[in-house]
Amino acid sequence: MTAQVITDDAEAVAAASAPSNEFRAGASAPDTERWLPRYELDRLSAPAPTNVP
């Protein structure tokens, strides 16, 4: 697995906002259907951008 190298602010914002864009469509489902958002929690705990040069 190769690490993604983020080279500018726009790329950092895109990488950081990707999970929220992915989760937005079904955001209310865990509450209305009473289930735990395991996929979302796993996705958020995955490696994320931590350093911008």
Protein backbone atom coordinates (compact mmCIF):
# COMPACT_ATOMS: atom_id res chain seq x y z
CA MET A 1 0.00 0.00 0.00
CA THR A 2 1.39 3.37 -1.00
CA ALA A 3 0.76 6.48 1.05
CA GLN A 4 -0.99 9.37 -0.64
CA VAL A 5 1.17 12.48 -0.73
CA ILE A 6 -0.85 15.66 -0.36
CA THR A 7 0.92 18.60 -1.95
CA ASP A 8 -1.41 21.58 -1.42
CA ASP A 9 -4.32 22.93 0.59
CA ALA A 10 -6.98 22.08 -1.98
CA GLU A 11 -5.88 18.46 -2.06
CA ALA A 12 -5.92 18.32 1.76
CA VAL A 13 -9.45 19.70 1.91
CA ALA A 14 -10.59 17.18 -0.71
CA ALA A 15 -9.04 14.29 1.21
CA ALA A 16 -10.52 15.43 4.51
CA SER A 17 -14.00 16.01 3.12
CA ALA A 18 -14.22 12.72 1.19
CA PRO A 19 -15.65 10.71 4.15
CA SER A 20 -18.28 13.34 4.91
CA ASN A 21 -19.41 13.40 1.29
CA GLU A 22 -19.59 9.61 1.36
CA PHE A 23 -21.64 9.49 4.59
CA ARG A 24 -24.03 12.36 3.83
CA ALA A 25 -26.51 10.34 1.74
CA GLY A 26 -27.44 7.91 4.52
CA ALA A 27 -26.68 10.02 7.56
CA SER A 28 -30.07 9.64 9.22
CA ALA A 29 -30.40 5.86 8.68
CA PRO A 30 -28.62 4.76 11.89
CA ASP A 31 -30.95 6.91 13.98
CA THR A 32 -34.21 6.08 12.22
CA GLU A 33 -33.46 2.38 11.77
CA ARG A 34 -31.68 1.95 15.14
CA TRP A 35 -28.40 0.39 14.01
CA LEU A 36 -24.80 1.23 14.70
CA PRO A 37 -22.87 2.94 11.88
CA ARG A 38 -20.05 0.38 11.93
CA TYR A 39 -18.90 1.05 8.36
CA GLU A 40 -18.67 4.78 9.02
CA LEU A 41 -16.75 4.23 12.25
CA ASP A 42 -14.33 1.88 10.50
CA ARG A 43 -13.90 4.38 7.65
CA LEU A 44 -13.20 7.23 10.06
CA SER A 45 -10.65 5.19 11.99
CA ALA A 46 -8.74 4.28 8.81
CA PRO A 47 -5.45 6.04 8.09
CA ALA A 48 -6.05 9.69 7.30
CA PRO A 49 -3.98 12.65 6.17
CA THR A 50 -1.91 13.82 9.11
CA ASN A 51 0.75 16.04 7.61
CA VAL A 52 0.65 18.77 4.97
CA PRO A 53 4.10 20.07 3.91
